[in-house]
Amino acid sequence: MERHVGIIIRDELRKQGYTNKWLADQIGVTVRQLQRFFNDPSIISAGQLLDISMALGIDLFYSYSKALNFQETDPPRRHNP
């Protein structure tokens, strides 16, 4: 079973030795809001996920894009028959 992105963020934050306050300041949210992300990743916007990815230097979109399983190298597009 894969860990959800909130747990990945929390674990990566600890691994890199940063505090919740540091990351919250980096992405412009409160510590309380950041802690909510750990438990309920459905409340993280795409923009916030990008900000977190950039702050931590990791690709948090990877597991989502991998699940799409598109074969193209450019941004995926829906093919209409």
C-alpha atoms as a PDB file:
ATOM      1  CA  MET A   1       0.000   0.000   0.000  1.00  0.00           C
ATOM      2  CA  GLU A   2       1.376   3.382  -1.017  1.00  0.00           C
ATOM      3  CA  ARG A   3       1.666   6.182   1.502  1.00  0.00           C
ATOM      4  CA  HIS A   4      -0.471   9.194   0.740  1.00  0.00           C
ATOM      5  CA  VAL A   5       1.225  12.454  -0.147  1.00  0.00           C
ATOM      6  CA  GLY A   6       0.585  14.036   3.268  1.00  0.00           C
ATOM      7  CA  ILE A   7       2.638  11.305   4.946  1.00  0.00           C
ATOM      8  CA  ILE A   8       5.337  11.581   2.277  1.00  0.00           C
ATOM      9  CA  ILE A   9       5.588  15.326   2.941  1.00  0.00           C
ATOM     10  CA  ARG A  10       5.751  14.827   6.711  1.00  0.00           C
ATOM     11  CA  ASP A  11       8.396  12.086   6.421  1.00  0.00           C
ATOM     12  CA  GLU A  12      10.502  14.055   3.935  1.00  0.00           C
ATOM     13  CA  LEU A  13      10.340  17.135   6.140  1.00  0.00           C
ATOM     14  CA  ARG A  14      11.676  15.131   9.087  1.00  0.00           C
ATOM     15  CA  LYS A  15      14.293  13.368   6.923  1.00  0.00           C
ATOM     16  CA  GLN A  16      15.667  16.712   5.764  1.00  0.00           C
ATOM     17  CA  GLY A  17      15.696  18.073   9.325  1.00  0.00           C
ATOM     18  CA  TYR A  18      13.243  20.901   8.751  1.00  0.00           C
ATOM     19  CA  THR A  19      10.501  21.956  11.128  1.00  0.00           C
ATOM     20  CA  ASN A  20       6.808  22.311  10.377  1.00  0.00           C
ATOM     21  CA  LYS A  21       7.200  26.057  10.915  1.00  0.00           C
ATOM     22  CA  TRP A  22       9.972  26.258   8.324  1.00  0.00           C
ATOM     23  CA  LEU A  23       7.865  24.570   5.630  1.00  0.00           C
ATOM     24  CA  ALA A  24       4.730  26.508   6.562  1.00  0.00           C
ATOM     25  CA  ASP A  25       6.703  29.749   6.173  1.00  0.00           C
ATOM     26  CA  GLN A  26       8.134  28.580   2.832  1.00  0.00           C
ATOM     27  CA  ILE A  27       4.708  27.897   1.341  1.00  0.00           C
ATOM     28  CA  GLY A  28       2.723  30.668   3.051  1.00  0.00           C
ATOM     29  CA  VAL A  29       0.391  28.671   5.297  1.00  0.00           C
ATOM     30  CA  THR A  30       0.035  28.329   9.052  1.00  0.00           C
ATOM     31  CA  VAL A  31       1.603  25.438  10.932  1.00  0.00           C
ATOM     32  CA  ARG A  32      -1.912  24.264  11.766  1.00  0.00           C
ATOM     33  CA  GLN A  33      -2.844  24.188   8.067  1.00  0.00           C
ATOM     34  CA  LEU A  34       0.351  22.281   7.232  1.00  0.00           C
ATOM     35  CA  GLN A  35      -0.450  19.695   9.902  1.00  0.00           C
ATOM     36  CA  ARG A  36      -3.898  19.269   8.326  1.00  0.00           C
ATOM     37  CA  PHE A  37      -2.152  18.455   5.024  1.00  0.00           C
ATOM     38  CA  PHE A  38      -0.393  15.540   6.725  1.00  0.00           C
ATOM     39  CA  ASN A  39      -3.712  13.979   7.698  1.00  0.00           C
ATOM     40  CA  ASP A  40      -5.905  14.991   4.761  1.00  0.00           C
ATOM     41  CA  PRO A  41      -3.950  15.485   1.531  1.00  0.00           C
ATOM     42  CA  SER A  42      -7.169  16.099  -0.389  1.00  0.00           C
ATOM     43  CA  ILE A  43      -7.106  19.688   0.909  1.00  0.00           C
ATOM     44  CA  ILE A  44      -3.719  20.467  -0.693  1.00  0.00           C
ATOM     45  CA  SER A  45      -4.133  22.478  -3.886  1.00  0.00           C
ATOM     46  CA  ALA A  46      -1.970  21.773  -6.938  1.00  0.00           C
ATOM     47  CA  GLY A  47      -0.237  25.111  -6.373  1.00  0.00           C
ATOM     48  CA  GLN A  48       0.533  24.259  -2.764  1.00  0.00           C
ATOM     49  CA  LEU A  49       1.823  20.835  -3.794  1.00  0.00           C
ATOM     50  CA  LEU A  50       4.116  22.555  -6.294  1.00  0.00           C
ATOM     51  CA  ASP A  51       5.334  24.976  -3.594  1.00  0.00           C
ATOM     52  CA  ILE A  52       6.025  22.080  -1.212  1.00  0.00           C
ATOM     53  CA  SER A  53       7.835  20.140  -3.965  1.00  0.00           C
ATOM     54  CA  MET A  54      10.038  23.143  -4.669  1.00  0.00           C
ATOM     55  CA  ALA A  55      10.741  23.857  -0.995  1.00  0.00           C
ATOM     56  CA  LEU A  56      11.720  20.247  -0.279  1.00  0.00           C
ATOM     57  CA  GLY A  57      13.384  19.614  -3.636  1.00  0.00           C
ATOM     58  CA  ILE A  58      11.318  16.505  -4.432  1.00  0.00           C
ATOM     59  CA  ASP A  59       8.742  15.603  -7.071  1.00  0.00           C
ATOM     60  CA  LEU A  60       5.512  15.081  -5.156  1.00  0.00           C
ATOM     61  CA  PHE A  61       3.567  14.834  -8.429  1.00  0.00           C
ATOM     62  CA  TYR A  62       5.391  11.669  -9.472  1.00  0.00           C
ATOM     63  CA  SER A  63       3.038   9.169  -7.882  1.00  0.00           C
ATOM     64  CA  TYR A  64       0.041  10.970  -9.379  1.00  0.00           C
ATOM     65  CA  SER A  65       1.482  11.238 -12.880  1.00  0.00           C
ATOM     66  CA  LYS A  66       2.712   7.654 -12.745  1.00  0.00           C
ATOM     67  CA  ALA A  67      -0.841   6.537 -12.025  1.00  0.00           C
ATOM     68  CA  LEU A  68      -2.040   8.205 -15.253  1.00  0.00           C
ATOM     69  CA  ASN A  69       0.184   5.887 -17.308  1.00  0.00           C
ATOM     70  CA  PHE A  70       0.285   8.144 -20.380  1.00  0.00           C
ATOM     71  CA  GLN A  71       2.761   7.182 -23.092  1.00  0.00           C
ATOM     72  CA  GLU A  72       3.520  10.699 -24.352  1.00  0.00           C
ATOM     73  CA  THR A  73       6.527  12.803 -23.388  1.00  0.00           C
ATOM     74  CA  ASP A  74       4.742  16.135 -23.865  1.00  0.00           C
ATOM     75  CA  PRO A  75       1.908  17.138 -21.535  1.00  0.00           C
ATOM     76  CA  PRO A  76      -0.744  14.434 -21.845  1.00  0.00           C
ATOM     77  CA  ARG A  77      -3.834  15.199 -23.851  1.00  0.00           C
ATOM     78  CA  ARG A  78      -7.076  13.322 -24.133  1.00  0.00           C
ATOM     79  CA  HIS A  79      -7.535  11.703 -27.507  1.00  0.00           C
ATOM     80  CA  ASN A  80     -11.034  12.017 -28.885  1.00  0.00           C
ATOM     81  CA  PRO A  81     -12.048   9.274 -31.328  1.00  0.00           C
END
